Amino acid sequence: MEMIAATNIFLIILLIFTALLVWSRNWKRKQAYLEHIKSKPETFQWISQNLTGVEIKDLKAVADRFGLPMLQAKQLIDFYRKNHKN
């Protein structure tokens, strides 16, 4: 009985570790893609021409255009507004 409990605990710890590893790699991949997009001048040209001032509409447009999750779309818009003041 103790062996089964120890095995179950080991498997739960392994499952948690694996889930955290997958999440971490996915997060790093998304951040790397965001940095790649930020390095392209045409990204900010598109953003400057298509921002409407309505936050949710802008977030959806940027997310759809560049294939980003909402969090990275928000980071991209914030980066644009901080570094490209008109």
N, C-alpha and C. Protein backbone atom coordinates (compact mmCIF):
# COMPACT_ATOMS: atom_id res chain seq x y z
N MET A 1 0.81 -1.19 0.00
CA MET A 1 0.00 0.00 0.00
C MET A 1 0.86 1.26 0.00
N GLU A 2 1.95 1.25 0.77
CA GLU A 2 2.84 2.42 0.81
C GLU A 2 3.52 2.63 -0.53
N MET A 3 3.81 1.55 -1.22
CA MET A 3 4.46 1.66 -2.53
C MET A 3 3.52 2.33 -3.54
N ILE A 4 2.24 2.02 -3.50
CA ILE A 4 1.26 2.62 -4.40
C ILE A 4 1.14 4.12 -4.11
N ALA A 5 1.10 4.48 -2.83
CA ALA A 5 1.01 5.89 -2.46
C ALA A 5 2.24 6.65 -2.91
N ALA A 6 3.42 6.07 -2.74
CA ALA A 6 4.66 6.71 -3.17
C ALA A 6 4.69 6.86 -4.69
N THR A 7 4.22 5.86 -5.40
CA THR A 7 4.16 5.92 -6.86
C THR A 7 3.20 7.02 -7.31
N ASN A 8 2.05 7.11 -6.66
CA ASN A 8 1.07 8.15 -7.00
C ASN A 8 1.64 9.54 -6.76
N ILE A 9 2.31 9.73 -5.65
CA ILE A 9 2.92 11.03 -5.37
C ILE A 9 3.97 11.37 -6.42
N PHE A 10 4.80 10.39 -6.76
CA PHE A 10 5.81 10.61 -7.80
C PHE A 10 5.16 10.99 -9.12
N LEU A 11 4.11 10.30 -9.51
CA LEU A 11 3.43 10.59 -10.78
C LEU A 11 2.79 11.98 -10.77
N ILE A 12 2.23 12.38 -9.65
CA ILE A 12 1.63 13.72 -9.55
C ILE A 12 2.71 14.79 -9.68
N ILE A 13 3.83 14.58 -9.00
CA ILE A 13 4.94 15.54 -9.11
C ILE A 13 5.47 15.60 -10.53
N LEU A 14 5.58 14.46 -11.18
CA LEU A 14 6.04 14.41 -12.57
C LEU A 14 5.06 15.13 -13.49
N LEU A 15 3.78 14.95 -13.26
CA LEU A 15 2.76 15.62 -14.06
C LEU A 15 2.85 17.14 -13.89
N ILE A 16 2.99 17.61 -12.67
CA ILE A 16 3.10 19.05 -12.42
C ILE A 16 4.36 19.61 -13.08
N PHE A 17 5.48 18.92 -12.93
CA PHE A 17 6.73 19.36 -13.55
C PHE A 17 6.58 19.45 -15.06
N THR A 18 5.98 18.44 -15.67
CA THR A 18 5.80 18.43 -17.12
C THR A 18 4.90 19.57 -17.58
N ALA A 19 3.82 19.81 -16.85
CA ALA A 19 2.91 20.90 -17.20
C ALA A 19 3.62 22.25 -17.11
N LEU A 20 4.40 22.46 -16.08
CA LEU A 20 5.15 23.71 -15.94
C LEU A 20 6.20 23.87 -17.04
N LEU A 21 6.85 22.79 -17.41
CA LEU A 21 7.84 22.84 -18.48
C LEU A 21 7.20 23.20 -19.81
N VAL A 22 6.07 22.60 -20.12
CA VAL A 22 5.37 22.89 -21.36
C VAL A 22 4.91 24.34 -21.37
N TRP A 23 4.35 24.81 -20.26
CA TRP A 23 3.88 26.19 -20.16
C TRP A 23 5.05 27.16 -20.36
N SER A 24 6.18 26.87 -19.73
CA SER A 24 7.35 27.74 -19.82
C SER A 24 7.86 27.83 -21.25
N ARG A 25 7.96 26.71 -21.92
CA ARG A 25 8.44 26.71 -23.31
C ARG A 25 7.47 27.43 -24.23
N ASN A 26 6.17 27.25 -24.00
CA ASN A 26 5.17 27.92 -24.81
C ASN A 26 5.26 29.42 -24.60
N TRP A 27 5.42 29.87 -23.35
CA TRP A 27 5.53 31.28 -23.03
C TRP A 27 6.77 31.88 -23.72
N LYS A 28 7.89 31.18 -23.64
CA LYS A 28 9.12 31.68 -24.27
C LYS A 28 8.96 31.77 -25.78
N ARG A 29 8.27 30.83 -26.37
CA ARG A 29 8.04 30.85 -27.82
C ARG A 29 7.19 32.05 -28.20
N LYS A 30 6.14 32.33 -27.42
CA LYS A 30 5.28 33.48 -27.71
C LYS A 30 6.05 34.79 -27.57
N GLN A 31 6.88 34.89 -26.54
CA GLN A 31 7.66 36.10 -26.33
C GLN A 31 8.69 36.28 -27.45
N ALA A 32 9.29 35.20 -27.91
CA ALA A 32 10.26 35.28 -29.00
C ALA A 32 9.58 35.74 -30.29
N TYR A 33 8.36 35.26 -30.54
CA TYR A 33 7.61 35.67 -31.72
C TYR A 33 7.26 37.15 -31.63
N LEU A 34 6.89 37.60 -30.44
CA LEU A 34 6.58 39.02 -30.24
C LEU A 34 7.82 39.88 -30.53
N GLU A 35 8.97 39.47 -30.04
CA GLU A 35 10.21 40.21 -30.31
C GLU A 35 10.52 40.24 -31.80
N HIS A 36 10.25 39.14 -32.48
CA HIS A 36 10.46 39.07 -33.94
C HIS A 36 9.56 40.08 -34.65
N ILE A 37 8.31 40.14 -34.25
CA ILE A 37 7.36 41.08 -34.86
C ILE A 37 7.78 42.52 -34.57
N LYS A 38 8.24 42.77 -33.33
CA LYS A 38 8.64 44.13 -32.96
C LYS A 38 9.86 44.61 -33.74
N SER A 39 10.63 43.71 -34.29
CA SER A 39 11.84 44.10 -35.03
C SER A 39 11.55 44.50 -36.47
N LYS A 40 10.32 44.32 -36.91
CA LYS A 40 9.98 44.64 -38.30
C LYS A 40 9.35 46.03 -38.39
N PRO A 41 9.89 46.91 -39.22
CA PRO A 41 9.31 48.26 -39.36
C PRO A 41 7.88 48.25 -39.92
N GLU A 42 7.59 47.29 -40.79
CA GLU A 42 6.24 47.25 -41.37
C GLU A 42 5.16 46.94 -40.34
N THR A 43 5.55 46.34 -39.22
CA THR A 43 4.61 46.09 -38.12
C THR A 43 4.05 47.41 -37.61
N PHE A 44 4.94 48.35 -37.34
CA PHE A 44 4.51 49.62 -36.77
C PHE A 44 3.86 50.52 -37.81
N GLN A 45 4.22 50.32 -39.05
CA GLN A 45 3.52 51.04 -40.12
C GLN A 45 2.06 50.59 -40.16
N TRP A 46 1.85 49.28 -40.11
CA TRP A 46 0.48 48.75 -40.12
C TRP A 46 -0.28 49.23 -38.89
N ILE A 47 0.36 49.17 -37.72
CA ILE A 47 -0.31 49.60 -36.49
C ILE A 47 -0.69 51.08 -36.58
N SER A 48 0.22 51.92 -37.06
CA SER A 48 -0.08 53.35 -37.13
C SER A 48 -1.26 53.64 -38.06
N GLN A 49 -1.44 52.84 -39.07
CA GLN A 49 -2.52 53.05 -40.02
C GLN A 49 -3.84 52.44 -39.56
N ASN A 50 -3.79 51.49 -38.61
CA ASN A 50 -5.00 50.74 -38.27
C ASN A 50 -5.50 50.90 -36.84
N LEU A 51 -4.79 51.62 -35.99
CA LEU A 51 -5.31 51.83 -34.63
C LEU A 51 -6.49 52.80 -34.68
N THR A 52 -7.53 52.45 -33.95
CA THR A 52 -8.74 53.27 -33.96
C THR A 52 -8.91 54.07 -32.68
N GLY A 53 -8.21 53.69 -31.62
CA GLY A 53 -8.40 54.34 -30.34
C GLY A 53 -9.36 53.59 -29.43
N VAL A 54 -10.07 52.61 -29.98
CA VAL A 54 -10.95 51.74 -29.19
C VAL A 54 -10.13 50.52 -28.80
N GLU A 55 -9.82 50.41 -27.50
CA GLU A 55 -8.83 49.44 -27.06
C GLU A 55 -9.16 48.01 -27.46
N ILE A 56 -10.35 47.54 -27.21
CA ILE A 56 -10.67 46.13 -27.49
C ILE A 56 -10.65 45.87 -29.00
N LYS A 57 -11.10 46.84 -29.77
CA LYS A 57 -11.08 46.69 -31.23
C LYS A 57 -9.64 46.64 -31.74
N ASP A 58 -8.79 47.51 -31.18
CA ASP A 58 -7.38 47.52 -31.57
C ASP A 58 -6.69 46.22 -31.17
N LEU A 59 -6.98 45.73 -29.97
CA LEU A 59 -6.38 44.46 -29.52
C LEU A 59 -6.76 43.32 -30.45
N LYS A 60 -8.04 43.24 -30.80
CA LYS A 60 -8.49 42.16 -31.68
C LYS A 60 -7.86 42.27 -33.06
N ALA A 61 -7.76 43.50 -33.57
CA ALA A 61 -7.17 43.70 -34.90
C ALA A 61 -5.70 43.29 -34.92
N VAL A 62 -4.94 43.71 -33.90
CA VAL A 62 -3.51 43.36 -33.83
C VAL A 62 -3.34 41.86 -33.62
N ALA A 63 -4.15 41.29 -32.74
CA ALA A 63 -4.06 39.85 -32.49
C ALA A 63 -4.36 39.05 -33.76
N ASP A 64 -5.38 39.45 -34.48
CA ASP A 64 -5.74 38.75 -35.71
C ASP A 64 -4.69 38.94 -36.80
N ARG A 65 -4.21 40.16 -36.94
CA ARG A 65 -3.24 40.46 -38.01
C ARG A 65 -1.92 39.73 -37.84
N PHE A 66 -1.44 39.68 -36.58
CA PHE A 66 -0.12 39.11 -36.34
C PHE A 66 -0.16 37.72 -35.70
N GLY A 67 -1.34 37.19 -35.44
CA GLY A 67 -1.46 35.86 -34.87
C GLY A 67 -0.96 35.79 -33.43
N LEU A 68 -1.25 36.83 -32.67
CA LEU A 68 -0.79 36.91 -31.29
C LEU A 68 -1.94 36.66 -30.31
N PRO A 69 -1.63 36.13 -29.13
CA PRO A 69 -2.62 36.12 -28.06
C PRO A 69 -2.88 37.55 -27.60
N MET A 70 -3.96 37.77 -26.89
CA MET A 70 -4.34 39.12 -26.47
C MET A 70 -3.26 39.78 -25.61
N LEU A 71 -2.61 39.03 -24.74
CA LEU A 71 -1.59 39.62 -23.87
C LEU A 71 -0.44 40.18 -24.70
N GLN A 72 0.04 39.43 -25.67
CA GLN A 72 1.13 39.91 -26.51
C GLN A 72 0.66 41.04 -27.43
N ALA A 73 -0.59 41.00 -27.86
CA ALA A 73 -1.13 42.10 -28.67
C ALA A 73 -1.13 43.39 -27.84
N LYS A 74 -1.52 43.29 -26.59
CA LYS A 74 -1.51 44.46 -25.68
C LYS A 74 -0.08 44.96 -25.49
N GLN A 75 0.87 44.04 -25.30
CA GLN A 75 2.26 44.44 -25.14
C GLN A 75 2.78 45.14 -26.40
N LEU A 76 2.39 44.66 -27.56
CA LEU A 76 2.84 45.27 -28.82
C LEU A 76 2.26 46.68 -28.97
N ILE A 77 0.99 46.85 -28.67
CA ILE A 77 0.37 48.17 -28.76
C ILE A 77 1.00 49.12 -27.76
N ASP A 78 1.22 48.65 -26.54
CA ASP A 78 1.86 49.50 -25.53
C ASP A 78 3.27 49.89 -25.95
N PHE A 79 4.03 48.95 -26.52
CA PHE A 79 5.37 49.23 -27.01
C PHE A 79 5.32 50.28 -28.12
N TYR A 80 4.37 50.14 -29.03
CA TYR A 80 4.20 51.10 -30.11
C TYR A 80 3.91 52.49 -29.56
N ARG A 81 2.95 52.58 -28.65
CA ARG A 81 2.57 53.88 -28.09
C ARG A 81 3.72 54.52 -27.31
N LYS A 82 4.51 53.73 -26.65
CA LYS A 82 5.64 54.25 -25.87
C LYS A 82 6.76 54.76 -26.77
N ASN A 83 7.03 54.06 -27.86
CA ASN A 83 8.19 54.37 -28.69
C ASN A 83 7.90 55.10 -30.00
N HIS A 84 6.65 55.25 -30.37
CA HIS A 84 6.31 55.90 -31.63
C HIS A 84 5.27 57.00 -31.39
N LYS A 85 5.60 57.94 -30.55
CA LYS A 85 4.67 59.04 -30.28
C LYS A 85 4.61 59.96 -31.48
N ASN A 86 3.39 60.31 -31.83
CA ASN A 86 3.20 61.18 -33.01
C ASN A 86 3.24 62.63 -32.63
